[in-house]
Amino acid sequence: MGRGATDTKSRILEAAANLFSIHGYAATTMEDILTASGITKGAFYYYFKSKEALCLAVLEEAAGQYQRFIESITENVEPKNRLRTFFKELAVRNAS
């Protein structure tokens, strides 16, 4: 997959994540996703089999981001400070 393809897929994932968080999964239409990501229906189906598959990819991406964040908290930090850092970051992510 070339850089343009990666950028397109990322745009779709980002647009869907934003729309799902604002309107919810059920209230977000395919047309909303296509418009927000600036792609055609054909381009969407090149990357994702369905809206459901897109939702799973959005969830997997979010889970991966949290996992990478958790792994980034060094073991040399006192456990209570790691926990404090985790909850501060969680609050920031949830606010956005």
Protein backbone atom coordinates (compact mmCIF):
# COMPACT_ATOMS: atom_id res chain seq x y z
CA MET A 1 0.00 0.00 0.00
CA GLY A 2 1.52 3.35 -1.06
CA ARG A 3 1.63 6.52 0.94
CA GLY A 4 -1.51 7.89 -0.73
CA ALA A 5 -3.39 4.72 0.14
CA THR A 6 -2.25 4.93 3.75
CA ASP A 7 -3.29 8.58 3.91
CA THR A 8 -6.72 7.77 2.48
CA LYS A 9 -7.32 4.95 4.93
CA SER A 10 -6.17 7.17 7.80
CA ARG A 11 -8.53 9.94 6.67
CA ILE A 12 -11.44 7.49 6.64
CA LEU A 13 -10.55 6.16 10.12
CA GLU A 14 -10.14 9.65 11.56
CA ALA A 15 -13.38 10.95 10.03
CA ALA A 16 -15.31 7.91 11.25
CA ALA A 17 -13.85 8.12 14.76
CA ASN A 18 -14.83 11.79 15.00
CA LEU A 19 -18.33 11.20 13.66
CA PHE A 20 -18.94 8.15 15.85
CA SER A 21 -17.83 10.06 18.93
CA ILE A 22 -20.04 13.06 18.13
CA HIS A 23 -23.18 11.40 16.72
CA GLY A 24 -22.81 7.76 17.72
CA TYR A 25 -22.46 4.76 15.44
CA ALA A 26 -26.15 4.38 14.57
CA ALA A 27 -26.69 8.05 13.73
CA THR A 28 -23.59 8.26 11.50
CA THR A 29 -24.42 7.44 7.89
CA MET A 30 -22.13 6.20 5.16
CA GLU A 31 -22.76 9.50 3.39
CA ASP A 32 -21.52 11.35 6.50
CA ILE A 33 -18.32 9.31 6.47
CA LEU A 34 -17.78 9.78 2.73
CA THR A 35 -18.32 13.54 2.98
CA ALA A 36 -16.11 13.99 6.05
CA SER A 37 -13.26 11.95 4.59
CA GLY A 38 -13.63 13.41 1.07
CA ILE A 39 -13.74 10.06 -0.71
CA THR A 40 -16.04 8.18 -3.03
CA LYS A 41 -18.10 5.13 -2.11
CA GLY A 42 -15.82 2.99 -4.28
CA ALA A 43 -12.75 4.21 -2.42
CA PHE A 44 -14.44 3.40 0.89
CA TYR A 45 -15.17 -0.15 -0.17
CA TYR A 46 -11.58 -0.57 -1.36
CA TYR A 47 -10.49 -0.26 2.28
CA PHE A 48 -13.48 -1.53 4.25
CA LYS A 49 -16.08 -4.21 3.57
CA SER A 50 -18.80 -2.33 5.47
CA LYS A 51 -19.56 0.35 8.03
CA GLU A 52 -19.32 -2.38 10.67
CA ALA A 53 -15.82 -3.32 9.48
CA LEU A 54 -14.85 0.34 9.65
CA CYS A 55 -16.18 0.59 13.20
CA LEU A 56 -14.09 -2.44 14.23
CA ALA A 57 -11.02 -0.83 12.66
CA VAL A 58 -11.70 2.41 14.55
CA LEU A 59 -11.99 0.46 17.80
CA GLU A 60 -8.81 -1.51 17.06
CA GLU A 61 -6.94 1.73 16.34
CA ALA A 62 -8.16 3.28 19.60
CA ALA A 63 -7.21 0.17 21.56
CA GLY A 64 -3.77 0.21 19.93
CA GLN A 65 -3.27 3.85 20.87
CA TYR A 66 -4.14 3.10 24.50
CA GLN A 67 -1.87 0.06 24.49
CA ARG A 68 1.05 2.09 23.09
CA PHE A 69 0.42 4.76 25.71
CA ILE A 70 0.37 2.22 28.54
CA GLU A 71 3.60 0.69 27.25
CA SER A 72 5.20 4.14 27.08
CA ILE A 73 4.91 4.64 30.84
CA THR A 74 8.31 3.51 32.01
CA GLU A 75 8.71 0.84 34.64
CA ASN A 76 11.23 3.04 36.46
CA VAL A 77 8.42 5.34 37.53
CA GLU A 78 6.78 4.72 40.89
CA PRO A 79 3.49 2.80 40.41
CA LYS A 80 1.37 5.57 41.93
CA ASN A 81 2.90 8.09 39.49
CA ARG A 82 2.32 5.74 36.55
CA LEU A 83 -1.31 5.44 37.57
CA ARG A 84 -1.62 9.22 37.99
CA THR A 85 -0.09 9.74 34.51
CA PHE A 86 -2.46 7.16 33.03
CA PHE A 87 -5.56 8.81 34.47
CA LYS A 88 -4.45 12.31 33.40
CA GLU A 89 -3.91 11.05 29.85
CA LEU A 90 -7.21 9.19 29.91
CA ALA A 91 -9.01 12.39 30.93
CA VAL A 92 -7.35 14.32 28.10
CA ARG A 93 -8.23 11.65 25.53
CA ASN A 94 -11.83 11.43 26.75
CA ALA A 95 -12.22 15.21 26.66
CA SER A 96 -11.19 15.23 23.00
